Amino acid sequence: MMQVVLAGVDRQLVGRTEPYARVARDLVARISELTVAIDDLARQIGELTETLAPSLLDLFGCGSLTAAKIVAETAGIGRFHSRAAFAAHTGTAPIPVWSGNIVRHRLSRGGNRQLNAALHRIAITQLRCPSLGEAYVAKRLAAGDTKTEAIRALRRRLSDEVYRSPSAQARPLRPAGRSRLARSQ
């Protein structure tokens, strides 16, 4: 898509000799090069993700870039002793707040914001399409939750699914060479 737009801009600049046209042609060429590089990196990440995290890719709404972010930011799910500890790390663990007899849960501002954003992307994708996530949020809304609370609960539920996922057990790739411990000595 981007290449089509850039080709259209390039056609409009043909035969123009003004300084802004020369600068624009240079920018179009540079943007085209960067687009090719970005597409290549996305393809490579997709291939690695299919190898390292196939079960994350099976999770509806989780694409290869989001799965790669989860694997990289998690750095081995084995370091968390429970799904609750993982949820606290991702910032999806509910924080209770109450006023009188009303008990609510609010958004955690702590935790790994990158993991939380990845889980949020999955949740929003599930809300936009007919899926289990959409049904879960509808059930929470019918039970009296606000939309924000329902989405927060869905993110926590997704956090639990990621924790149970065998792909999350995958270790992130480390460059070949000496270990970190050996380098520090």
N, C-alpha and C. Protein backbone atom coordinates (compact mmCIF):
# COMPACT_ATOMS: atom_id res chain seq x y z
N MET A 1 0.82 -1.19 0.00
CA MET A 1 0.00 0.00 0.00
C MET A 1 0.87 1.25 0.00
N MET A 2 1.88 1.27 0.86
CA MET A 2 2.75 2.43 0.96
C MET A 2 3.48 2.66 -0.36
N GLN A 3 3.88 1.57 -1.00
CA GLN A 3 4.60 1.70 -2.27
C GLN A 3 3.71 2.34 -3.34
N VAL A 4 2.42 2.05 -3.32
CA VAL A 4 1.48 2.62 -4.28
C VAL A 4 1.38 4.13 -4.07
N VAL A 5 1.27 4.54 -2.83
CA VAL A 5 1.19 5.97 -2.51
C VAL A 5 2.47 6.68 -2.93
N LEU A 6 3.60 6.08 -2.60
CA LEU A 6 4.88 6.70 -2.95
C LEU A 6 5.06 6.78 -4.47
N ALA A 7 4.60 5.77 -5.19
CA ALA A 7 4.70 5.80 -6.65
C ALA A 7 3.84 6.94 -7.22
N GLY A 8 2.68 7.17 -6.63
CA GLY A 8 1.82 8.27 -7.06
C GLY A 8 2.46 9.63 -6.82
N VAL A 9 3.11 9.79 -5.67
CA VAL A 9 3.82 11.04 -5.38
C VAL A 9 4.97 11.22 -6.36
N ASP A 10 5.68 10.14 -6.61
CA ASP A 10 6.82 10.20 -7.53
C ASP A 10 6.36 10.60 -8.93
N ARG A 11 5.21 10.08 -9.38
CA ARG A 11 4.68 10.46 -10.70
C ARG A 11 4.34 11.95 -10.76
N GLN A 12 3.83 12.48 -9.68
CA GLN A 12 3.49 13.90 -9.65
C GLN A 12 4.73 14.80 -9.70
N LEU A 13 5.87 14.25 -9.29
CA LEU A 13 7.10 15.04 -9.26
C LEU A 13 7.89 14.96 -10.57
N VAL A 14 7.49 14.09 -11.49
CA VAL A 14 8.21 13.92 -12.76
C VAL A 14 8.19 15.25 -13.52
N GLY A 15 9.36 15.65 -14.00
CA GLY A 15 9.49 16.87 -14.79
C GLY A 15 9.58 18.14 -13.98
N ARG A 16 9.42 18.06 -12.66
CA ARG A 16 9.53 19.25 -11.81
C ARG A 16 10.98 19.49 -11.48
N THR A 17 11.43 20.71 -11.55
CA THR A 17 12.84 21.05 -11.30
C THR A 17 13.00 21.94 -10.09
N GLU A 18 11.93 22.32 -9.45
CA GLU A 18 12.03 23.20 -8.28
C GLU A 18 12.79 22.49 -7.16
N PRO A 19 13.42 23.28 -6.28
CA PRO A 19 14.16 22.67 -5.17
C PRO A 19 13.29 21.77 -4.29
N TYR A 20 12.05 22.19 -4.05
CA TYR A 20 11.20 21.34 -3.21
C TYR A 20 10.92 19.99 -3.88
N ALA A 21 10.85 19.97 -5.21
CA ALA A 21 10.60 18.72 -5.93
C ALA A 21 11.80 17.79 -5.82
N ARG A 22 13.01 18.34 -5.89
CA ARG A 22 14.22 17.50 -5.73
C ARG A 22 14.26 16.91 -4.33
N VAL A 23 13.98 17.75 -3.33
CA VAL A 23 13.97 17.26 -1.94
C VAL A 23 12.88 16.20 -1.77
N ALA A 24 11.71 16.43 -2.34
CA ALA A 24 10.61 15.47 -2.23
C ALA A 24 10.97 14.14 -2.88
N ARG A 25 11.64 14.20 -4.07
CA ARG A 25 12.06 12.95 -4.73
C ARG A 25 13.05 12.18 -3.85
N ASP A 26 13.99 12.91 -3.22
CA ASP A 26 14.94 12.26 -2.32
C ASP A 26 14.22 11.61 -1.14
N LEU A 27 13.24 12.32 -0.59
CA LEU A 27 12.47 11.76 0.53
C LEU A 27 11.67 10.54 0.12
N VAL A 28 11.06 10.58 -1.06
CA VAL A 28 10.30 9.44 -1.55
C VAL A 28 11.22 8.22 -1.71
N ALA A 29 12.42 8.45 -2.25
CA ALA A 29 13.38 7.35 -2.42
C ALA A 29 13.78 6.78 -1.06
N ARG A 30 14.04 7.66 -0.10
CA ARG A 30 14.46 7.20 1.24
C ARG A 30 13.33 6.45 1.95
N ILE A 31 12.12 6.97 1.84
CA ILE A 31 10.98 6.30 2.46
C ILE A 31 10.75 4.94 1.82
N SER A 32 10.94 4.83 0.52
CA SER A 32 10.80 3.54 -0.16
C SER A 32 11.83 2.54 0.36
N GLU A 33 13.08 2.98 0.52
CA GLU A 33 14.13 2.10 1.06
C GLU A 33 13.78 1.63 2.47
N LEU A 34 13.33 2.57 3.31
CA LEU A 34 12.99 2.22 4.68
C LEU A 34 11.78 1.30 4.73
N THR A 35 10.83 1.49 3.86
CA THR A 35 9.65 0.62 3.81
C THR A 35 10.05 -0.81 3.47
N VAL A 36 10.95 -0.96 2.52
CA VAL A 36 11.44 -2.29 2.15
C VAL A 36 12.15 -2.93 3.35
N ALA A 37 12.98 -2.15 4.06
CA ALA A 37 13.71 -2.67 5.22
C ALA A 37 12.74 -3.06 6.33
N ILE A 38 11.73 -2.25 6.56
CA ILE A 38 10.74 -2.55 7.61
C ILE A 38 9.97 -3.82 7.27
N ASP A 39 9.56 -3.94 6.01
CA ASP A 39 8.84 -5.14 5.58
C ASP A 39 9.70 -6.40 5.74
N ASP A 40 10.99 -6.28 5.46
CA ASP A 40 11.90 -7.41 5.61
C ASP A 40 12.04 -7.80 7.08
N LEU A 41 12.19 -6.80 7.95
CA LEU A 41 12.29 -7.09 9.39
C LEU A 41 11.00 -7.72 9.91
N ALA A 42 9.86 -7.22 9.47
CA ALA A 42 8.58 -7.80 9.90
C ALA A 42 8.47 -9.25 9.44
N ARG A 43 8.94 -9.55 8.24
CA ARG A 43 8.92 -10.93 7.74
C ARG A 43 9.81 -11.81 8.60
N GLN A 44 11.01 -11.32 8.94
CA GLN A 44 11.94 -12.10 9.77
C GLN A 44 11.35 -12.35 11.16
N ILE A 45 10.74 -11.31 11.73
CA ILE A 45 10.12 -11.47 13.05
C ILE A 45 8.98 -12.48 12.96
N GLY A 46 8.21 -12.42 11.89
CA GLY A 46 7.12 -13.38 11.70
C GLY A 46 7.62 -14.81 11.64
N GLU A 47 8.73 -15.03 10.93
CA GLU A 47 9.29 -16.38 10.85
C GLU A 47 9.79 -16.86 12.21
N LEU A 48 10.48 -15.99 12.95
CA LEU A 48 10.95 -16.37 14.28
C LEU A 48 9.79 -16.64 15.23
N THR A 49 8.76 -15.83 15.14
CA THR A 49 7.61 -16.01 16.02
C THR A 49 6.89 -17.32 15.74
N GLU A 50 6.80 -17.69 14.47
CA GLU A 50 6.16 -18.97 14.14
C GLU A 50 6.93 -20.13 14.75
N THR A 51 8.25 -19.97 14.87
CA THR A 51 9.07 -21.02 15.47
C THR A 51 8.98 -21.01 16.99
N LEU A 52 9.10 -19.80 17.59
CA LEU A 52 9.19 -19.69 19.05
C LEU A 52 7.83 -19.66 19.75
N ALA A 53 6.82 -19.11 19.10
CA ALA A 53 5.56 -18.88 19.81
C ALA A 53 4.33 -19.25 18.99
N PRO A 54 4.24 -20.47 18.50
CA PRO A 54 3.07 -20.82 17.69
C PRO A 54 1.75 -20.76 18.47
N SER A 55 1.78 -21.09 19.76
CA SER A 55 0.52 -21.07 20.51
C SER A 55 0.07 -19.65 20.80
N LEU A 56 1.00 -18.69 20.90
CA LEU A 56 0.59 -17.30 21.04
C LEU A 56 -0.08 -16.81 19.75
N LEU A 57 0.44 -17.27 18.62
CA LEU A 57 -0.16 -16.88 17.35
C LEU A 57 -1.56 -17.47 17.18
N ASP A 58 -1.83 -18.58 17.88
CA ASP A 58 -3.16 -19.19 17.83
C ASP A 58 -4.18 -18.39 18.64
N LEU A 59 -3.70 -17.54 19.54
CA LEU A 59 -4.57 -16.70 20.35
C LEU A 59 -5.18 -15.63 19.45
N PHE A 60 -6.51 -15.60 19.36
CA PHE A 60 -7.18 -14.67 18.45
C PHE A 60 -6.78 -13.24 18.78
N GLY A 61 -6.32 -12.51 17.76
CA GLY A 61 -5.96 -11.11 17.93
C GLY A 61 -4.48 -10.89 18.18
N CYS A 62 -3.72 -11.97 18.29
CA CYS A 62 -2.29 -11.85 18.54
C CYS A 62 -1.53 -12.13 17.25
N GLY A 63 -0.97 -11.08 16.68
CA GLY A 63 -0.17 -11.22 15.47
C GLY A 63 1.28 -11.50 15.80
N SER A 64 2.08 -11.62 14.78
CA SER A 64 3.47 -12.00 14.99
C SER A 64 4.26 -10.93 15.74
N LEU A 65 4.01 -9.66 15.48
CA LEU A 65 4.75 -8.61 16.19
C LEU A 65 4.35 -8.55 17.66
N THR A 66 3.07 -8.72 17.95
CA THR A 66 2.62 -8.72 19.34
C THR A 66 3.15 -9.95 20.07
N ALA A 67 3.13 -11.10 19.42
CA ALA A 67 3.68 -12.32 20.04
C ALA A 67 5.17 -12.17 20.30
N ALA A 68 5.89 -11.57 19.36
CA ALA A 68 7.33 -11.35 19.55
C ALA A 68 7.57 -10.42 20.74
N LYS A 69 6.74 -9.39 20.88
CA LYS A 69 6.86 -8.47 22.01
C LYS A 69 6.62 -9.19 23.32
N ILE A 70 5.63 -10.07 23.35
CA ILE A 70 5.33 -10.81 24.58
C ILE A 70 6.48 -11.73 24.94
N VAL A 71 7.01 -12.47 23.97
CA VAL A 71 8.12 -13.39 24.25
C VAL A 71 9.35 -12.61 24.73
N ALA A 72 9.64 -11.51 24.07
CA ALA A 72 10.84 -10.74 24.43
C ALA A 72 10.70 -10.08 25.79
N GLU A 73 9.55 -9.49 26.07
CA GLU A 73 9.36 -8.79 27.34
C GLU A 73 9.19 -9.75 28.51
N THR A 74 8.66 -10.94 28.26
CA THR A 74 8.47 -11.91 29.33
C THR A 74 9.81 -12.50 29.77
N ALA A 75 10.70 -12.74 28.81
CA ALA A 75 12.03 -13.28 29.10
C ALA A 75 11.97 -14.57 29.90
N GLY A 76 11.07 -15.45 29.54
CA GLY A 76 10.97 -16.75 30.19
C GLY A 76 9.91 -16.73 31.28
N ILE A 77 8.82 -17.39 31.04
CA ILE A 77 7.69 -17.38 31.97
C ILE A 77 8.03 -18.12 33.26
N GLY A 78 9.06 -18.97 33.22
CA GLY A 78 9.44 -19.75 34.39
C GLY A 78 9.90 -18.91 35.57
N ARG A 79 10.22 -17.67 35.33
CA ARG A 79 10.67 -16.83 36.44
C ARG A 79 9.52 -16.32 37.30
N PHE A 80 8.28 -16.59 36.88
CA PHE A 80 7.11 -16.20 37.66
C PHE A 80 6.54 -17.43 38.35
N HIS A 81 6.31 -17.35 39.65
CA HIS A 81 5.86 -18.52 40.39
C HIS A 81 4.37 -18.83 40.22
N SER A 82 3.60 -17.87 39.70
CA SER A 82 2.18 -18.12 39.50
C SER A 82 1.63 -17.17 38.44
N ARG A 83 0.40 -17.45 38.04
CA ARG A 83 -0.22 -16.57 37.06
C ARG A 83 -0.51 -15.21 37.68
N ALA A 84 -0.73 -15.16 38.99
CA ALA A 84 -0.95 -13.89 39.67
C ALA A 84 0.32 -13.03 39.65
N ALA A 85 1.46 -13.68 39.85
CA ALA A 85 2.73 -12.95 39.79
C ALA A 85 2.98 -12.42 38.38
N PHE A 86 2.64 -13.23 37.38
CA PHE A 86 2.79 -12.77 36.00
C PHE A 86 1.84 -11.60 35.72
N ALA A 87 0.61 -11.68 36.23
CA ALA A 87 -0.36 -10.59 36.04
C ALA A 87 0.13 -9.31 36.72
N ALA A 88 0.75 -9.43 37.87
CA ALA A 88 1.30 -8.24 38.53
C ALA A 88 2.43 -7.65 37.68
N HIS A 89 3.23 -8.52 37.08
CA HIS A 89 4.32 -8.05 36.23
C HIS A 89 3.79 -7.34 34.99
N THR A 90 2.70 -7.82 34.43
CA THR A 90 2.14 -7.21 33.22
C THR A 90 1.28 -5.99 33.53
N GLY A 91 0.97 -5.77 34.79
CA GLY A 91 0.12 -4.65 35.15
C GLY A 91 -1.36 -4.93 34.94
N THR A 92 -1.72 -6.20 34.83
CA THR A 92 -3.13 -6.56 34.63
C THR A 92 -3.79 -7.07 35.90
N ALA A 93 -3.04 -7.18 36.99
CA ALA A 93 -3.63 -7.63 38.25
C ALA A 93 -4.56 -6.53 38.77
N PRO A 94 -5.78 -6.89 39.18
CA PRO A 94 -6.71 -5.86 39.64
C PRO A 94 -6.29 -5.29 40.99
N ILE A 95 -6.51 -4.01 41.14
CA ILE A 95 -6.24 -3.34 42.41
C ILE A 95 -7.59 -2.96 43.01
N PRO A 96 -7.94 -3.55 44.17
CA PRO A 96 -9.26 -3.25 44.73
C PRO A 96 -9.33 -1.83 45.31
N VAL A 97 -10.43 -1.17 45.06
CA VAL A 97 -10.73 0.12 45.68
C VAL A 97 -12.18 0.03 46.14
N TRP A 98 -12.48 0.60 47.28
CA TRP A 98 -13.84 0.52 47.76
C TRP A 98 -14.23 1.83 48.41
N SER A 99 -15.50 2.06 48.33
CA SER A 99 -16.11 3.23 48.94
C SER A 99 -17.40 2.76 49.57
N GLY A 100 -17.43 2.74 50.85
CA GLY A 100 -18.61 2.21 51.55
C GLY A 100 -18.72 0.73 51.29
N ASN A 101 -19.87 0.31 50.79
CA ASN A 101 -20.11 -1.10 50.54
C ASN A 101 -19.80 -1.50 49.10
N ILE A 102 -19.35 -0.55 48.27
CA ILE A 102 -19.09 -0.84 46.87
C ILE A 102 -17.61 -1.17 46.68
N VAL A 103 -17.34 -2.37 46.19
CA VAL A 103 -15.97 -2.78 45.92
C VAL A 103 -15.77 -2.80 44.41
N ARG A 104 -14.78 -2.07 43.95
CA ARG A 104 -14.45 -2.02 42.53
C ARG A 104 -12.97 -2.36 42.39
N HIS A 105 -12.54 -2.53 41.16
CA HIS A 105 -11.13 -2.75 40.88
C HIS A 105 -10.70 -1.70 39.87
N ARG A 106 -9.51 -1.19 40.06
CA ARG A 106 -9.03 -0.17 39.14
C ARG A 106 -7.80 -0.67 38.41
N LEU A 107 -7.43 0.08 37.40
CA LEU A 107 -6.29 -0.25 36.57
C LEU A 107 -4.99 -0.10 37.36
N SER A 108 -4.12 -1.04 37.21
CA SER A 108 -2.79 -0.95 37.81
C SER A 108 -1.91 -0.08 36.92
N ARG A 109 -1.26 0.88 37.51
CA ARG A 109 -0.34 1.74 36.76
C ARG A 109 1.08 1.17 36.78
N GLY A 110 1.27 0.09 37.51
CA GLY A 110 2.59 -0.52 37.60
C GLY A 110 2.77 -1.61 36.57
N GLY A 111 3.84 -2.33 36.70
CA GLY A 111 4.09 -3.45 35.81
C GLY A 111 4.76 -3.04 34.51
N ASN A 112 4.97 -4.01 33.67
CA ASN A 112 5.63 -3.79 32.39
C ASN A 112 4.61 -3.22 31.41
N ARG A 113 4.77 -1.96 31.08
CA ARG A 113 3.80 -1.28 30.24
C ARG A 113 3.79 -1.82 28.81
N GLN A 114 4.93 -2.35 28.35
CA GLN A 114 4.98 -2.93 27.01
C GLN A 114 4.13 -4.20 26.93
N LEU A 115 4.24 -5.04 27.95
CA LEU A 115 3.41 -6.26 28.00
C LEU A 115 1.95 -5.88 28.12
N ASN A 116 1.65 -4.90 28.96
CA ASN A 116 0.28 -4.47 29.13
C ASN A 116 -0.29 -3.95 27.82
N ALA A 117 0.51 -3.19 27.07
CA ALA A 117 0.05 -2.66 25.78
C ALA A 117 -0.19 -3.79 24.78
N ALA A 118 0.66 -4.82 24.81
CA ALA A 118 0.48 -5.96 23.91
C ALA A 118 -0.82 -6.69 24.24
N LEU A 119 -1.09 -6.90 25.52
CA LEU A 119 -2.34 -7.55 25.92
C LEU A 119 -3.54 -6.68 25.58
N HIS A 120 -3.39 -5.37 25.68
CA HIS A 120 -4.47 -4.45 25.32
C HIS A 120 -4.78 -4.54 23.83
N ARG A 121 -3.73 -4.63 22.99
CA ARG A 121 -3.95 -4.76 21.55
C ARG A 121 -4.75 -6.02 21.24
N ILE A 122 -4.40 -7.11 21.90
CA ILE A 122 -5.13 -8.37 21.69
C ILE A 122 -6.59 -8.20 22.13
N ALA A 123 -6.79 -7.58 23.29
CA ALA A 123 -8.15 -7.40 23.82
C ALA A 123 -9.00 -6.55 22.89
N ILE A 124 -8.46 -5.45 22.39
CA ILE A 124 -9.23 -4.57 21.51
C ILE A 124 -9.54 -5.29 20.20
N THR A 125 -8.60 -6.08 19.70
CA THR A 125 -8.86 -6.84 18.48
C THR A 125 -9.99 -7.84 18.71
N GLN A 126 -9.97 -8.49 19.86
CA GLN A 126 -11.04 -9.44 20.17
C GLN A 126 -12.39 -8.76 20.31
N LEU A 127 -12.39 -7.52 20.79
CA LEU A 127 -13.65 -6.79 20.92
C LEU A 127 -14.24 -6.40 19.57
N ARG A 128 -13.39 -6.16 18.60
CA ARG A 128 -13.85 -5.69 17.29
C ARG A 128 -14.42 -6.81 16.43
N CYS A 129 -14.10 -8.03 16.75
CA CYS A 129 -14.54 -9.17 15.93
C CYS A 129 -15.31 -10.14 16.81
N PRO A 130 -16.21 -10.90 16.22
CA PRO A 130 -16.91 -11.92 17.01
C PRO A 130 -15.89 -12.94 17.55
N SER A 131 -15.79 -13.02 18.85
CA SER A 131 -14.82 -13.93 19.46
C SER A 131 -15.22 -14.19 20.91
N LEU A 132 -14.44 -15.02 21.57
CA LEU A 132 -14.68 -15.30 22.98
C LEU A 132 -14.48 -14.04 23.82
N GLY A 133 -13.54 -13.20 23.43
CA GLY A 133 -13.30 -11.95 24.15
C GLY A 133 -14.50 -11.03 24.10
N GLU A 134 -15.10 -10.93 22.93
CA GLU A 134 -16.30 -10.10 22.78
C GLU A 134 -17.43 -10.63 23.66
N ALA A 135 -17.60 -11.94 23.68
CA ALA A 135 -18.65 -12.56 24.50
C ALA A 135 -18.37 -12.33 25.99
N TYR A 136 -17.09 -12.42 26.38
CA TYR A 136 -16.72 -12.22 27.79
C TYR A 136 -17.03 -10.79 28.22
N VAL A 137 -16.68 -9.81 27.39
CA VAL A 137 -16.94 -8.41 27.73
C VAL A 137 -18.45 -8.17 27.79
N ALA A 138 -19.20 -8.75 26.86
CA ALA A 138 -20.65 -8.59 26.88
C ALA A 138 -21.23 -9.16 28.18
N LYS A 139 -20.71 -10.29 28.63
CA LYS A 139 -21.16 -10.90 29.88
C LYS A 139 -20.84 -9.99 31.07
N ARG A 140 -19.64 -9.40 31.06
CA ARG A 140 -19.25 -8.50 32.15
C ARG A 140 -20.10 -7.24 32.14
N LEU A 141 -20.41 -6.72 30.96
CA LEU A 141 -21.26 -5.53 30.87
C LEU A 141 -22.67 -5.83 31.40
N ALA A 142 -23.18 -7.02 31.06
CA ALA A 142 -24.50 -7.42 31.55
C ALA A 142 -24.52 -7.58 33.06
N ALA A 143 -23.35 -7.92 33.63
CA ALA A 143 -23.25 -8.09 35.08
C ALA A 143 -23.11 -6.75 35.81
N GLY A 144 -22.99 -5.65 35.04
CA GLY A 144 -22.94 -4.34 35.69
C GLY A 144 -21.59 -3.65 35.65
N ASP A 145 -20.60 -4.26 35.06
CA ASP A 145 -19.29 -3.61 34.94
C ASP A 145 -19.36 -2.49 33.91
N THR A 146 -18.49 -1.52 34.06
CA THR A 146 -18.35 -0.51 33.02
C THR A 146 -17.52 -1.12 31.90
N LYS A 147 -17.50 -0.46 30.74
CA LYS A 147 -16.73 -0.99 29.61
C LYS A 147 -15.24 -1.04 29.97
N THR A 148 -14.75 -0.03 30.66
CA THR A 148 -13.33 0.00 31.08
C THR A 148 -13.02 -1.17 32.00
N GLU A 149 -13.90 -1.44 32.97
CA GLU A 149 -13.68 -2.55 33.88
C GLU A 149 -13.73 -3.89 33.14
N ALA A 150 -14.64 -4.00 32.19
CA ALA A 150 -14.76 -5.24 31.42
C ALA A 150 -13.50 -5.48 30.58
N ILE A 151 -12.95 -4.44 29.97
CA ILE A 151 -11.72 -4.58 29.18
C ILE A 151 -10.54 -4.93 30.09
N ARG A 152 -10.50 -4.32 31.28
CA ARG A 152 -9.44 -4.64 32.23
C ARG A 152 -9.51 -6.11 32.62
N ALA A 153 -10.72 -6.61 32.86
CA ALA A 153 -10.90 -8.02 33.21
C ALA A 153 -10.49 -8.92 32.04
N LEU A 154 -10.81 -8.51 30.82
CA LEU A 154 -10.41 -9.29 29.65
C LEU A 154 -8.88 -9.33 29.53
N ARG A 155 -8.22 -8.21 29.79
CA ARG A 155 -6.74 -8.20 29.74
C ARG A 155 -6.16 -9.15 30.77
N ARG A 156 -6.76 -9.20 31.96
CA ARG A 156 -6.28 -10.13 32.99
C ARG A 156 -6.48 -11.56 32.53
N ARG A 157 -7.61 -11.82 31.93
CA ARG A 157 -7.89 -13.17 31.43
C ARG A 157 -6.90 -13.55 30.33
N LEU A 158 -6.58 -12.60 29.45
CA LEU A 158 -5.58 -12.84 28.41
C LEU A 158 -4.20 -13.08 29.02
N SER A 159 -3.90 -12.35 30.08
CA SER A 159 -2.63 -12.55 30.78
C SER A 159 -2.53 -14.00 31.29
N ASP A 160 -3.63 -14.51 31.82
CA ASP A 160 -3.63 -15.90 32.29
C ASP A 160 -3.44 -16.87 31.13
N GLU A 161 -4.05 -16.58 29.97
CA GLU A 161 -3.87 -17.45 28.80
C GLU A 161 -2.43 -17.43 28.31
N VAL A 162 -1.82 -16.26 28.32
CA VAL A 162 -0.42 -16.17 27.91
C VAL A 162 0.45 -16.94 28.89
N TYR A 163 0.15 -16.85 30.19
CA TYR A 163 0.93 -17.57 31.20
C TYR A 163 0.85 -19.08 30.99
N ARG A 164 -0.31 -19.57 30.61
CA ARG A 164 -0.48 -21.02 30.37
C ARG A 164 0.08 -21.46 29.03
N SER A 165 0.35 -20.50 28.15
CA SER A 165 0.80 -20.82 26.80
C SER A 165 2.19 -21.44 26.81
N PRO A 166 2.37 -22.55 26.09
CA PRO A 166 3.71 -23.15 26.02
C PRO A 166 4.70 -22.24 25.30
N SER A 167 4.21 -21.36 24.43
CA SER A 167 5.11 -20.45 23.70
C SER A 167 5.76 -19.45 24.62
N ALA A 168 5.07 -19.10 25.69
CA ALA A 168 5.64 -18.14 26.61
C ALA A 168 6.83 -18.75 27.34
N GLN A 169 6.90 -20.08 27.34
CA GLN A 169 8.02 -20.76 27.98
C GLN A 169 9.30 -20.60 27.18
N ALA A 170 9.17 -20.23 25.90
CA ALA A 170 10.35 -20.11 25.03
C ALA A 170 11.30 -19.07 25.56
N ARG A 171 12.56 -19.39 25.47
CA ARG A 171 13.58 -18.44 25.90
C ARG A 171 13.86 -17.47 24.77
N PRO A 172 14.08 -16.20 25.11
CA PRO A 172 14.41 -15.24 24.05
C PRO A 172 15.77 -15.59 23.45
N LEU A 173 15.93 -15.25 22.19
CA LEU A 173 17.19 -15.53 21.51
C LEU A 173 18.28 -14.65 22.07
N ARG A 174 19.44 -15.22 22.32
CA ARG A 174 20.58 -14.48 22.81
C ARG A 174 21.68 -14.60 21.77
N PRO A 175 22.39 -13.52 21.50
CA PRO A 175 23.47 -13.60 20.53
C PRO A 175 24.49 -14.66 20.92
N ALA A 176 25.07 -15.29 19.91
CA ALA A 176 26.08 -16.31 20.17
C ALA A 176 27.30 -15.66 20.82
N GLY A 177 27.98 -16.41 21.60
CA GLY A 177 29.17 -15.88 22.25
C GLY A 177 29.15 -16.22 23.71
N ARG A 178 29.96 -15.51 24.46
CA ARG A 178 30.08 -15.79 25.89
C ARG A 178 28.82 -15.36 26.62
N SER A 179 28.57 -16.01 27.73
CA SER A 179 27.40 -15.67 28.54
C SER A 179 27.63 -14.33 29.23
N ARG A 180 26.55 -13.76 29.74
CA ARG A 180 26.64 -12.49 30.44
C ARG A 180 27.55 -12.59 31.66
N LEU A 181 27.47 -13.71 32.37
CA LEU A 181 28.29 -13.90 33.56
C LEU A 181 29.76 -13.94 33.19
N ALA A 182 30.10 -14.63 32.12
CA ALA A 182 31.49 -14.75 31.69
C ALA A 182 32.04 -13.40 31.23
N ARG A 183 31.20 -12.57 30.61
CA ARG A 183 31.67 -11.27 30.13
C ARG A 183 31.94 -10.32 31.27
N SER A 184 31.22 -10.46 32.39
CA SER A 184 31.39 -9.51 33.48
C SER A 184 32.63 -9.79 34.30
N GLN A 185 33.26 -10.91 34.13
CA GLN A 185 34.43 -11.25 34.93
C GLN A 185 35.70 -10.78 34.29
